[in-house]
Amino acid sequence: MPTSTHTEPDLDRPDQQDAAAFAAAWEQWHAAHERRRADPHGFLAVTHLHWLGAEPSRLEGVPGIWSVQDDAVTVVLEAGESLLRDGRELTADGVTAVVFDPIAEREGIILTAGPAVVELAKRGGEYIVRPRHPENPLLNEYRGTPAYAPDQRFAVEGVYVPFESPRPTTVGAAVEGIVHVYEAPGQIRFELDGRNLTLTAFNGHAPGTLSVLFTDATSGKTTYAANRSLTVGAPDADGRVTLDFNRAVNLPCAYTDLATCPLPPAENRLPVAIEAGEQIPHERQAGQ
């Protein structure tokens, strides 16, 4: 019978030790990322996306009658309806109409309605309401995201080059008709497959970190067509950073049409194939 050509790695060799440690660190990171993605009130739990207008309206999946005017959102709750904020009932002391202070772009607040939460946020200058229910089928049927096996070739060193002043950068969105504007503090220059490449960077969630949105030659083939995201650690004193594309992840729009994710700026559409990181989710594979 045929014999397998697969051999176990020799962990006494330093290069195999490094490769094994690299793979183990990636597995640990990706498992943690998957746990966060499958949170009972995460984006996989979103059941509706409502855009608020001046006309008071009932919203499916959300208690109350909602409207927005002069950058202030009002919700009127009728008898038997309940919304909590930070554990406090909004209609306490006989109040039935609640007015929320203006919310900054890309910010939001979380309310509670029974087992669900209700996200009130501003995206593209408009107010949205998104209920998130832990019984949403997209969440309950989620079976993980396929990804390339970790490959050290796609963990490359780059140099962060700050702009003289942050540049407002307008990008499209997964939802037609809105745009996002981000402050880009600089660029990251790096080499891959013998090519000199540049990515415009935005500020990351953690202080000092950077975030890049990109597509590449795998987009729409093995990876999600619209975008992927990569968090980059803070540059060192010489501006050096590590771009570990093995940790490139999908944004919510890769899983659901109820997301307003930004698209990469034109200069971040890379001409090389980055065969690393997360691939097209199972939920989208039939449509691509």
C-alpha atoms as a PDB file:
ATOM      1  CA  MET A   1       0.000   0.000   0.000  1.00  0.00           C
ATOM      2  CA  PRO A   2       1.236   3.549  -0.617  1.00  0.00           C
ATOM      3  CA  THR A   3       3.274   5.225   2.059  1.00  0.00           C
ATOM      4  CA  SER A   4       2.663   8.762   3.300  1.00  0.00           C
ATOM      5  CA  THR A   5       5.246  11.423   2.524  1.00  0.00           C
ATOM      6  CA  HIS A   6       4.241  13.354   5.671  1.00  0.00           C
ATOM      7  CA  THR A   7       6.891  13.465   8.400  1.00  0.00           C
ATOM      8  CA  GLU A   8       6.550  14.812  11.902  1.00  0.00           C
ATOM      9  CA  PRO A   9       8.583  17.968  12.600  1.00  0.00           C
ATOM     10  CA  ASP A  10      11.909  17.482  14.339  1.00  0.00           C
ATOM     11  CA  LEU A  11      11.405  19.718  17.356  1.00  0.00           C
ATOM     12  CA  ASP A  12      15.103  19.453  18.224  1.00  0.00           C
ATOM     13  CA  ARG A  13      15.823  21.709  15.238  1.00  0.00           C
ATOM     14  CA  PRO A  14      15.695  25.450  16.098  1.00  0.00           C
ATOM     15  CA  ASP A  15      13.765  26.327  12.919  1.00  0.00           C
ATOM     16  CA  GLN A  16      11.130  23.679  13.701  1.00  0.00           C
ATOM     17  CA  GLN A  17      10.918  24.914  17.279  1.00  0.00           C
ATOM     18  CA  ASP A  18      10.281  28.426  15.976  1.00  0.00           C
ATOM     19  CA  ALA A  19       7.678  27.200  13.486  1.00  0.00           C
ATOM     20  CA  ALA A  20       5.900  25.135  16.137  1.00  0.00           C
ATOM     21  CA  ALA A  21       5.833  28.049  18.585  1.00  0.00           C
ATOM     22  CA  PHE A  22       4.606  30.382  15.840  1.00  0.00           C
ATOM     23  CA  ALA A  23       1.772  28.006  14.927  1.00  0.00           C
ATOM     24  CA  ALA A  24       0.822  27.426  18.564  1.00  0.00           C
ATOM     25  CA  ALA A  25       0.652  31.177  19.236  1.00  0.00           C
ATOM     26  CA  TRP A  26      -1.537  31.646  16.172  1.00  0.00           C
ATOM     27  CA  GLU A  27      -3.885  28.817  17.201  1.00  0.00           C
ATOM     28  CA  GLN A  28      -4.277  30.348  20.656  1.00  0.00           C
ATOM     29  CA  TRP A  29      -4.927  33.807  19.211  1.00  0.00           C
ATOM     30  CA  HIS A  30      -7.452  32.596  16.639  1.00  0.00           C
ATOM     31  CA  ALA A  31      -9.366  30.515  19.184  1.00  0.00           C
ATOM     32  CA  ALA A  32      -9.710  33.598  21.382  1.00  0.00           C
ATOM     33  CA  HIS A  33     -10.821  35.666  18.388  1.00  0.00           C
ATOM     34  CA  GLU A  34     -13.477  33.087  17.515  1.00  0.00           C
ATOM     35  CA  ARG A  35     -14.784  33.118  21.094  1.00  0.00           C
ATOM     36  CA  ARG A  36     -15.190  36.888  20.969  1.00  0.00           C
ATOM     37  CA  ARG A  37     -16.913  36.673  17.583  1.00  0.00           C
ATOM     38  CA  ALA A  38     -19.430  34.155  18.954  1.00  0.00           C
ATOM     39  CA  ASP A  39     -20.391  36.352  21.923  1.00  0.00           C
ATOM     40  CA  PRO A  40     -24.147  36.043  22.647  1.00  0.00           C
ATOM     41  CA  HIS A  41     -24.563  39.754  21.918  1.00  0.00           C
ATOM     42  CA  GLY A  42     -21.869  40.164  19.265  1.00  0.00           C
ATOM     43  CA  PHE A  43     -22.461  41.090  15.633  1.00  0.00           C
ATOM     44  CA  LEU A  44     -23.549  37.556  14.746  1.00  0.00           C
ATOM     45  CA  ALA A  45     -26.535  38.188  17.029  1.00  0.00           C
ATOM     46  CA  VAL A  46     -27.757  41.238  15.043  1.00  0.00           C
ATOM     47  CA  THR A  47     -31.281  40.601  13.757  1.00  0.00           C
ATOM     48  CA  HIS A  48     -32.169  43.958  12.120  1.00  0.00           C
ATOM     49  CA  LEU A  49     -30.592  47.201  10.911  1.00  0.00           C
ATOM     50  CA  HIS A  50     -32.892  50.214  11.263  1.00  0.00           C
ATOM     51  CA  TRP A  51     -32.062  53.714  10.011  1.00  0.00           C
ATOM     52  CA  LEU A  52     -33.833  56.370  12.077  1.00  0.00           C
ATOM     53  CA  GLY A  53     -35.732  59.302  10.585  1.00  0.00           C
ATOM     54  CA  ALA A  54     -37.790  62.227  11.801  1.00  0.00           C
ATOM     55  CA  GLU A  55     -41.059  60.290  11.498  1.00  0.00           C
ATOM     56  CA  PRO A  56     -41.743  58.343  14.734  1.00  0.00           C
ATOM     57  CA  SER A  57     -41.744  54.645  13.875  1.00  0.00           C
ATOM     58  CA  ARG A  58     -41.964  51.236  15.459  1.00  0.00           C
ATOM     59  CA  LEU A  59     -38.937  49.084  14.701  1.00  0.00           C
ATOM     60  CA  GLU A  60     -39.091  45.330  14.318  1.00  0.00           C
ATOM     61  CA  GLY A  61     -37.363  43.531  17.154  1.00  0.00           C
ATOM     62  CA  VAL A  62     -37.125  46.672  19.325  1.00  0.00           C
ATOM     63  CA  PRO A  63     -39.549  48.048  21.943  1.00  0.00           C
ATOM     64  CA  GLY A  64     -40.753  51.646  21.654  1.00  0.00           C
ATOM     65  CA  ILE A  65     -41.432  54.261  18.991  1.00  0.00           C
ATOM     66  CA  TRP A  66     -38.229  55.859  17.653  1.00  0.00           C
ATOM     67  CA  SER A  67     -37.356  59.102  15.899  1.00  0.00           C
ATOM     68  CA  VAL A  68     -34.429  61.488  15.470  1.00  0.00           C
ATOM     69  CA  GLN A  69     -34.421  65.239  15.050  1.00  0.00           C
ATOM     70  CA  ASP A  70     -31.720  67.888  15.527  1.00  0.00           C
ATOM     71  CA  ASP A  71     -29.160  65.182  16.353  1.00  0.00           C
ATOM     72  CA  ALA A  72     -31.230  63.869  19.266  1.00  0.00           C
ATOM     73  CA  VAL A  73     -32.903  60.453  19.335  1.00  0.00           C
ATOM     74  CA  THR A  74     -36.237  60.017  21.105  1.00  0.00           C
ATOM     75  CA  VAL A  75     -37.865  56.736  22.087  1.00  0.00           C
ATOM     76  CA  VAL A  76     -41.383  56.550  23.502  1.00  0.00           C
ATOM     77  CA  LEU A  77     -42.174  53.436  25.517  1.00  0.00           C
ATOM     78  CA  GLU A  78     -45.756  52.360  26.031  1.00  0.00           C
ATOM     79  CA  ALA A  79     -47.218  50.352  28.907  1.00  0.00           C
ATOM     80  CA  GLY A  80     -45.531  46.967  29.225  1.00  0.00           C
ATOM     81  CA  GLU A  81     -42.464  47.976  27.189  1.00  0.00           C
ATOM     82  CA  SER A  82     -39.047  48.042  28.818  1.00  0.00           C
ATOM     83  CA  LEU A  83     -35.568  49.299  27.978  1.00  0.00           C
ATOM     84  CA  LEU A  84     -32.680  49.393  30.415  1.00  0.00           C
ATOM     85  CA  ARG A  85     -29.462  51.380  30.300  1.00  0.00           C
ATOM     86  CA  ASP A  86     -26.680  50.301  32.639  1.00  0.00           C
ATOM     87  CA  GLY A  87     -29.248  48.201  34.482  1.00  0.00           C
ATOM     88  CA  ARG A  88     -31.611  51.127  35.094  1.00  0.00           C
ATOM     89  CA  GLU A  89     -35.132  51.145  33.693  1.00  0.00           C
ATOM     90  CA  LEU A  90     -35.488  54.105  31.297  1.00  0.00           C
ATOM     91  CA  THR A  91     -39.145  54.618  32.130  1.00  0.00           C
ATOM     92  CA  ALA A  92     -38.643  54.830  35.879  1.00  0.00           C
ATOM     93  CA  ASP A  93     -40.598  57.488  37.809  1.00  0.00           C
ATOM     94  CA  GLY A  94     -43.383  57.641  35.228  1.00  0.00           C
ATOM     95  CA  VAL A  95     -41.199  58.851  32.337  1.00  0.00           C
ATOM     96  CA  THR A  96     -42.370  57.431  28.990  1.00  0.00           C
ATOM     97  CA  ALA A  97     -40.325  59.484  26.479  1.00  0.00           C
ATOM     98  CA  VAL A  98     -36.537  59.312  26.630  1.00  0.00           C
ATOM     99  CA  VAL A  99     -34.247  61.663  24.701  1.00  0.00           C
ATOM    100  CA  PHE A 100     -30.644  60.597  24.148  1.00  0.00           C
ATOM    101  CA  ASP A 101     -27.779  63.067  23.899  1.00  0.00           C
ATOM    102  CA  PRO A 102     -26.035  63.330  20.506  1.00  0.00           C
ATOM    103  CA  ILE A 103     -23.730  60.412  19.750  1.00  0.00           C
ATOM    104  CA  ALA A 104     -20.372  60.897  18.069  1.00  0.00           C
ATOM    105  CA  GLU A 105     -19.644  59.274  14.709  1.00  0.00           C
ATOM    106  CA  ARG A 106     -18.693  55.571  15.059  1.00  0.00           C
ATOM    107  CA  GLU A 107     -19.778  55.630  18.702  1.00  0.00           C
ATOM    108  CA  GLY A 108     -22.871  54.123  20.267  1.00  0.00           C
ATOM    109  CA  ILE A 109     -24.673  53.013  23.401  1.00  0.00           C
ATOM    110  CA  ILE A 110     -26.051  49.624  24.408  1.00  0.00           C
ATOM    111  CA  LEU A 111     -29.523  49.168  25.879  1.00  0.00           C
ATOM    112  CA  THR A 112     -31.109  45.986  27.214  1.00  0.00           C
ATOM    113  CA  ALA A 113     -34.513  44.612  26.218  1.00  0.00           C
ATOM    114  CA  GLY A 114     -35.153  41.270  27.903  1.00  0.00           C
ATOM    115  CA  PRO A 115     -32.596  38.716  26.655  1.00  0.00           C
ATOM    116  CA  ALA A 116     -31.611  40.998  23.771  1.00  0.00           C
ATOM    117  CA  VAL A 117     -29.520  44.149  23.625  1.00  0.00           C
ATOM    118  CA  VAL A 118     -30.252  47.166  21.438  1.00  0.00           C
ATOM    119  CA  GLU A 119     -27.389  49.109  19.876  1.00  0.00           C
ATOM    120  CA  LEU A 120     -28.025  52.803  19.203  1.00  0.00           C
ATOM    121  CA  ALA A 121     -25.191  54.259  17.151  1.00  0.00           C
ATOM    122  CA  LYS A 122     -24.169  56.775  14.511  1.00  0.00           C
ATOM    123  CA  ARG A 123     -22.741  55.595  11.206  1.00  0.00           C
ATOM    124  CA  GLY A 124     -22.052  57.779   8.185  1.00  0.00           C
ATOM    125  CA  GLY A 125     -23.761  60.712   9.905  1.00  0.00           C
ATOM    126  CA  GLU A 126     -27.002  58.752  10.391  1.00  0.00           C
ATOM    127  CA  TYR A 127     -28.459  57.095  13.463  1.00  0.00           C
ATOM    128  CA  ILE A 128     -29.009  53.339  13.451  1.00  0.00           C
ATOM    129  CA  VAL A 129     -30.699  50.898  15.794  1.00  0.00           C
ATOM    130  CA  ARG A 130     -29.558  47.266  15.777  1.00  0.00           C
ATOM    131  CA  PRO A 131     -31.127  44.667  18.085  1.00  0.00           C
ATOM    132  CA  ARG A 132     -28.884  41.744  18.991  1.00  0.00           C
ATOM    133  CA  HIS A 133     -30.581  38.556  20.133  1.00  0.00           C
ATOM    134  CA  PRO A 134     -28.712  35.498  21.469  1.00  0.00           C
ATOM    135  CA  GLU A 135     -31.163  33.208  19.652  1.00  0.00           C
ATOM    136  CA  ASN A 136     -30.378  34.645  16.211  1.00  0.00           C
ATOM    137  CA  PRO A 137     -29.861  31.695  13.805  1.00  0.00           C
ATOM    138  CA  LEU A 138     -26.697  33.266  12.323  1.00  0.00           C
ATOM    139  CA  LEU A 139     -25.109  33.058  15.771  1.00  0.00           C
ATOM    140  CA  ASN A 140     -26.506  29.681  16.801  1.00  0.00           C
ATOM    141  CA  GLU A 141     -25.543  28.041  13.505  1.00  0.00           C
ATOM    142  CA  TYR A 142     -22.066  29.597  13.379  1.00  0.00           C
ATOM    143  CA  ARG A 143     -19.423  26.898  12.834  1.00  0.00           C
ATOM    144  CA  GLY A 144     -16.233  28.894  12.788  1.00  0.00           C
ATOM    145  CA  THR A 145     -14.308  30.723  10.103  1.00  0.00           C
ATOM    146  CA  PRO A 146     -11.901  28.920   7.767  1.00  0.00           C
ATOM    147  CA  ALA A 147      -8.386  30.300   7.677  1.00  0.00           C
ATOM    148  CA  TYR A 148      -5.051  29.592   6.049  1.00  0.00           C
ATOM    149  CA  ALA A 149      -2.578  27.567   8.096  1.00  0.00           C
ATOM    150  CA  PRO A 150      -0.139  29.939   9.805  1.00  0.00           C
ATOM    151  CA  ASP A 151       2.863  30.719   7.618  1.00  0.00           C
ATOM    152  CA  GLN A 152       5.843  32.727   8.891  1.00  0.00           C
ATOM    153  CA  ARG A 153       6.477  34.018   5.373  1.00  0.00           C
ATOM    154  CA  PHE A 154       3.501  36.332   5.812  1.00  0.00           C
ATOM    155  CA  ALA A 155       4.760  37.861   9.060  1.00  0.00           C
ATOM    156  CA  VAL A 156       6.900  40.667   7.635  1.00  0.00           C
ATOM    157  CA  GLU A 157       8.681  43.661   9.041  1.00  0.00           C
ATOM    158  CA  GLY A 158       7.640  47.109   7.903  1.00  0.00           C
ATOM    159  CA  VAL A 159       8.385  50.729   8.660  1.00  0.00           C
ATOM    160  CA  TYR A 160       5.759  53.181   9.832  1.00  0.00           C
ATOM    161  CA  VAL A 161       6.139  56.617   8.235  1.00  0.00           C
ATOM    162  CA  PRO A 162       3.916  59.237   9.918  1.00  0.00           C
ATOM    163  CA  PHE A 163       2.393  62.080   7.921  1.00  0.00           C
ATOM    164  CA  GLU A 164       3.231  65.639   8.919  1.00  0.00           C
ATOM    165  CA  SER A 165      -0.343  65.811  10.191  1.00  0.00           C
ATOM    166  CA  PRO A 166      -3.141  63.188  10.134  1.00  0.00           C
ATOM    167  CA  ARG A 167      -4.953  63.039   6.793  1.00  0.00           C
ATOM    168  CA  PRO A 168      -8.753  62.786   6.701  1.00  0.00           C
ATOM    169  CA  THR A 169      -9.402  59.774   4.475  1.00  0.00           C
ATOM    170  CA  THR A 170     -12.827  59.057   3.012  1.00  0.00           C
ATOM    171  CA  VAL A 171     -13.712  55.436   2.320  1.00  0.00           C
ATOM    172  CA  GLY A 172     -16.827  53.667   1.129  1.00  0.00           C
ATOM    173  CA  ALA A 173     -18.971  51.332   3.188  1.00  0.00           C
ATOM    174  CA  ALA A 174     -20.567  47.919   2.909  1.00  0.00           C
ATOM    175  CA  VAL A 175     -23.930  49.726   2.944  1.00  0.00           C
ATOM    176  CA  GLU A 176     -24.551  51.711  -0.224  1.00  0.00           C
ATOM    177  CA  GLY A 177     -25.057  55.433   0.218  1.00  0.00           C
ATOM    178  CA  ILE A 178     -22.863  56.112   3.242  1.00  0.00           C
ATOM    179  CA  VAL A 179     -19.181  56.889   3.638  1.00  0.00           C
ATOM    180  CA  HIS A 180     -16.755  56.820   6.533  1.00  0.00           C
ATOM    181  CA  VAL A 181     -14.062  59.408   7.219  1.00  0.00           C
ATOM    182  CA  TYR A 182     -11.023  58.297   9.205  1.00  0.00           C
ATOM    183  CA  GLU A 183      -7.920  60.141  10.321  1.00  0.00           C
ATOM    184  CA  ALA A 184      -4.910  58.411   8.767  1.00  0.00           C
ATOM    185  CA  PRO A 185      -1.788  59.171  10.857  1.00  0.00           C
ATOM    186  CA  GLY A 186       0.668  57.645   8.380  1.00  0.00           C
ATOM    187  CA  GLN A 187       1.699  54.806   6.091  1.00  0.00           C
ATOM    188  CA  ILE A 188       3.358  51.438   6.561  1.00  0.00           C
ATOM    189  CA  ARG A 189       5.986  50.468   3.991  1.00  0.00           C
ATOM    190  CA  PHE A 190       7.067  46.856   3.616  1.00  0.00           C
ATOM    191  CA  GLU A 191       8.281  44.263   1.122  1.00  0.00           C
ATOM    192  CA  LEU A 192       6.520  41.051   0.132  1.00  0.00           C
ATOM    193  CA  ASP A 193       7.284  38.692  -2.723  1.00  0.00           C
ATOM    194  CA  GLY A 194      10.054  41.026  -3.849  1.00  0.00           C
ATOM    195  CA  ARG A 195       7.697  44.002  -4.222  1.00  0.00           C
ATOM    196  CA  ASN A 196       7.769  47.262  -2.308  1.00  0.00           C
ATOM    197  CA  LEU A 197       4.276  47.919  -0.941  1.00  0.00           C
ATOM    198  CA  THR A 198       2.555  50.636   1.074  1.00  0.00           C
ATOM    199  CA  LEU A 199      -0.574  50.627   3.228  1.00  0.00           C
ATOM    200  CA  THR A 200      -2.382  53.666   4.586  1.00  0.00           C
ATOM    201  CA  ALA A 201      -2.865  53.106   8.319  1.00  0.00           C
ATOM    202  CA  PHE A 202      -5.628  54.237  10.657  1.00  0.00           C
ATOM    203  CA  ASN A 203      -5.472  54.410  14.437  1.00  0.00           C
ATOM    204  CA  GLY A 204      -6.151  51.092  16.156  1.00  0.00           C
ATOM    205  CA  HIS A 205      -8.488  50.484  19.079  1.00  0.00           C
ATOM    206  CA  ALA A 206      -5.690  50.216  21.655  1.00  0.00           C
ATOM    207  CA  PRO A 207      -3.577  53.352  22.210  1.00  0.00           C
ATOM    208  CA  GLY A 208      -0.514  53.436  19.954  1.00  0.00           C
ATOM    209  CA  THR A 209      -1.644  50.580  17.718  1.00  0.00           C
ATOM    210  CA  LEU A 210      -2.491  50.872  14.035  1.00  0.00           C
ATOM    211  CA  SER A 211      -5.171  49.295  11.867  1.00  0.00           C
ATOM    212  CA  VAL A 212      -5.135  48.627   8.138  1.00  0.00           C
ATOM    213  CA  LEU A 213      -7.976  47.685   5.811  1.00  0.00           C
ATOM    214  CA  PHE A 214      -6.902  45.941   2.637  1.00  0.00           C
ATOM    215  CA  THR A 215      -7.714  43.640  -0.244  1.00  0.00           C
ATOM    216  CA  ASP A 216      -5.257  41.563  -2.252  1.00  0.00           C
ATOM    217  CA  ALA A 217      -5.095  39.104  -5.145  1.00  0.00           C
ATOM    218  CA  THR A 218      -6.947  36.465  -3.097  1.00  0.00           C
ATOM    219  CA  SER A 219      -9.960  38.748  -2.477  1.00  0.00           C
ATOM    220  CA  GLY A 220     -13.141  37.318  -3.958  1.00  0.00           C
ATOM    221  CA  LYS A 221     -11.392  33.977  -4.550  1.00  0.00           C
ATOM    222  CA  THR A 222     -10.353  32.458  -1.253  1.00  0.00           C
ATOM    223  CA  THR A 223     -10.813  35.535   0.975  1.00  0.00           C
ATOM    224  CA  TYR A 224     -13.749  37.889   1.387  1.00  0.00           C
ATOM    225  CA  ALA A 225     -14.032  40.239  -1.582  1.00  0.00           C
ATOM    226  CA  ALA A 226     -14.731  43.568   0.123  1.00  0.00           C
ATOM    227  CA  ASN A 227     -12.124  43.864   2.834  1.00  0.00           C
ATOM    228  CA  ARG A 228      -9.978  42.334   5.544  1.00  0.00           C
ATOM    229  CA  SER A 229      -8.554  44.029   8.608  1.00  0.00           C
ATOM    230  CA  LEU A 230      -5.195  43.753  10.338  1.00  0.00           C
ATOM    231  CA  THR A 231      -4.167  45.225  13.690  1.00  0.00           C
ATOM    232  CA  VAL A 232      -0.533  46.318  13.881  1.00  0.00           C
ATOM    233  CA  GLY A 233       1.312  46.810  17.152  1.00  0.00           C
ATOM    234  CA  ALA A 234       2.754  50.181  18.126  1.00  0.00           C
ATOM    235  CA  PRO A 235       5.898  51.173  16.156  1.00  0.00           C
ATOM    236  CA  ASP A 236       9.203  51.016  18.014  1.00  0.00           C
ATOM    237  CA  ALA A 237      11.540  54.001  18.376  1.00  0.00           C
ATOM    238  CA  ASP A 238      12.773  53.503  14.797  1.00  0.00           C
ATOM    239  CA  GLY A 239       9.267  53.140  13.372  1.00  0.00           C
ATOM    240  CA  ARG A 240       9.564  49.401  12.848  1.00  0.00           C
ATOM    241  CA  VAL A 241       6.405  47.310  12.971  1.00  0.00           C
ATOM    242  CA  THR A 242       5.423  43.722  12.275  1.00  0.00           C
ATOM    243  CA  LEU A 243       2.663  42.993   9.779  1.00  0.00           C
ATOM    244  CA  ASP A 244       1.499  39.478  10.641  1.00  0.00           C
ATOM    245  CA  PHE A 245      -1.029  38.819   7.888  1.00  0.00           C
ATOM    246  CA  ASN A 246      -1.760  35.447   9.485  1.00  0.00           C
ATOM    247  CA  ARG A 247      -3.880  37.533  11.862  1.00  0.00           C
ATOM    248  CA  ALA A 248      -5.847  39.302   9.124  1.00  0.00           C
ATOM    249  CA  VAL A 249      -9.525  38.981  10.026  1.00  0.00           C
ATOM    250  CA  ASN A 250     -12.928  39.437   8.453  1.00  0.00           C
ATOM    251  CA  LEU A 251     -15.131  42.372   9.383  1.00  0.00           C
ATOM    252  CA  PRO A 252     -18.825  41.884  10.275  1.00  0.00           C
ATOM    253  CA  CYS A 253     -19.963  42.535   6.682  1.00  0.00           C
ATOM    254  CA  ALA A 254     -18.304  39.253   5.694  1.00  0.00           C
ATOM    255  CA  TYR A 255     -21.037  37.470   7.660  1.00  0.00           C
ATOM    256  CA  THR A 256     -24.127  39.661   7.567  1.00  0.00           C
ATOM    257  CA  ASP A 257     -25.735  42.341   5.405  1.00  0.00           C
ATOM    258  CA  LEU A 258     -26.685  44.177   8.619  1.00  0.00           C
ATOM    259  CA  ALA A 259     -23.224  45.735   8.963  1.00  0.00           C
ATOM    260  CA  THR A 260     -21.861  49.141   7.895  1.00  0.00           C
ATOM    261  CA  CYS A 261     -18.184  48.169   7.623  1.00  0.00           C
ATOM    262  CA  PRO A 262     -15.718  50.522   5.915  1.00  0.00           C
ATOM    263  CA  LEU A 263     -13.999  49.552   2.683  1.00  0.00           C
ATOM    264  CA  PRO A 264     -10.243  49.919   2.153  1.00  0.00           C
ATOM    265  CA  PRO A 265      -8.890  53.124   0.603  1.00  0.00           C
ATOM    266  CA  ALA A 266      -7.909  52.641  -3.039  1.00  0.00           C
ATOM    267  CA  GLU A 267      -4.185  52.548  -2.266  1.00  0.00           C
ATOM    268  CA  ASN A 268      -4.684  49.568   0.070  1.00  0.00           C
ATOM    269  CA  ARG A 269      -5.714  47.221  -2.738  1.00  0.00           C
ATOM    270  CA  LEU A 270      -2.545  45.152  -2.835  1.00  0.00           C
ATOM    271  CA  PRO A 271      -1.409  43.505  -6.107  1.00  0.00           C
ATOM    272  CA  VAL A 272       0.047  40.427  -4.371  1.00  0.00           C
ATOM    273  CA  ALA A 273      -1.659  37.283  -3.090  1.00  0.00           C
ATOM    274  CA  ILE A 274      -1.672  37.240   0.706  1.00  0.00           C
ATOM    275  CA  GLU A 275      -2.479  33.592   1.347  1.00  0.00           C
ATOM    276  CA  ALA A 276      -2.738  34.086   5.092  1.00  0.00           C
ATOM    277  CA  GLY A 277      -5.391  34.937   7.633  1.00  0.00           C
ATOM    278  CA  GLU A 278      -9.113  34.372   7.555  1.00  0.00           C
ATOM    279  CA  GLN A 279     -10.861  33.157   4.427  1.00  0.00           C
ATOM    280  CA  ILE A 280     -14.394  33.541   3.052  1.00  0.00           C
ATOM    281  CA  PRO A 281     -16.827  32.572   5.826  1.00  0.00           C
ATOM    282  CA  HIS A 282     -18.948  29.464   5.311  1.00  0.00           C
ATOM    283  CA  GLU A 283     -21.988  31.779   5.404  1.00  0.00           C
ATOM    284  CA  ARG A 284     -20.829  33.591   2.234  1.00  0.00           C
ATOM    285  CA  GLN A 285     -19.144  30.865   0.211  1.00  0.00           C
ATOM    286  CA  ALA A 286     -22.253  30.003  -1.791  1.00  0.00           C
ATOM    287  CA  GLY A 287     -22.608  33.621  -2.902  1.00  0.00           C
ATOM    288  CA  GLN A 288     -19.066  34.127  -4.190  1.00  0.00           C
END
